[in-house]
């Protein structure tokens, strides 16, 4: 299990400071959910950890080692994007050729039989029906594409999993099942997982701890119970009150 730390991490885009000297410690094997208002720096933080953005200052530590200068593919980090980032010209799954699900395993020189043995049960578990296998991403719904993106990330055996709103396009009945599969995959593989969401119900259901982000900094990181009972400031208290109120008035 791999711990992860951010020390005075800063990222600017012109005059906008997206992440502002942020500090955070994530325990090895922890499932940490990041919540906060739109534009507070949540997705940028994930992109910095993944190596898709370079910080202006500060340090990212993975397993105790600084990784600011480590290439994207060598960090042992996998990120699931909100916009799926699937290969548009590839089918969902093809035992004999490169496909969205099999590509990471073919790159590793897995045999077709081994790929099939591994991927078919995984696809079934996360709701990718066999009838989807020969389709390309444009022939799938948003929720189906999200399942494929999740499945592709799962096959890479990362040390750290980063998830940016992975359930945003999943319908409510399947959302509960996908929560269970994400959590089961996290535990089975002893991953360190960071999960960004606007859905507080998802966060509470999944998190060991929740980190509340505001204007590029982390205000508080604690269990959901402690955040609600003992917020460190008015912002954290008001955030949870607002989210709880919003959830009540939107409930059927």
Foldseek 3Di string as FASTA:
>chain_A
DKKKWWAQFWADDVVATQAGRATDIFDQLFEEEEEEDPSLNQVVVVCQLLQVDQTPDTFMDIRRHTCSPPHNVPNLEDEQDPQLPFDQVAALADLPDDHRQCPLVVVVVDHSVVSCVPQPVLCVQLPNDPVRRGPGPVVDDSQNSLSSSVNNRLVNLGQEYEYEASCVRPDVVSSVSNLVVVQVSSNVSSHRYYYYDNQVVSRLVRGPWYFYGGNNYTQDIHHPVCLQVPPPDPVSVVVVVVNVVVCVVPPD
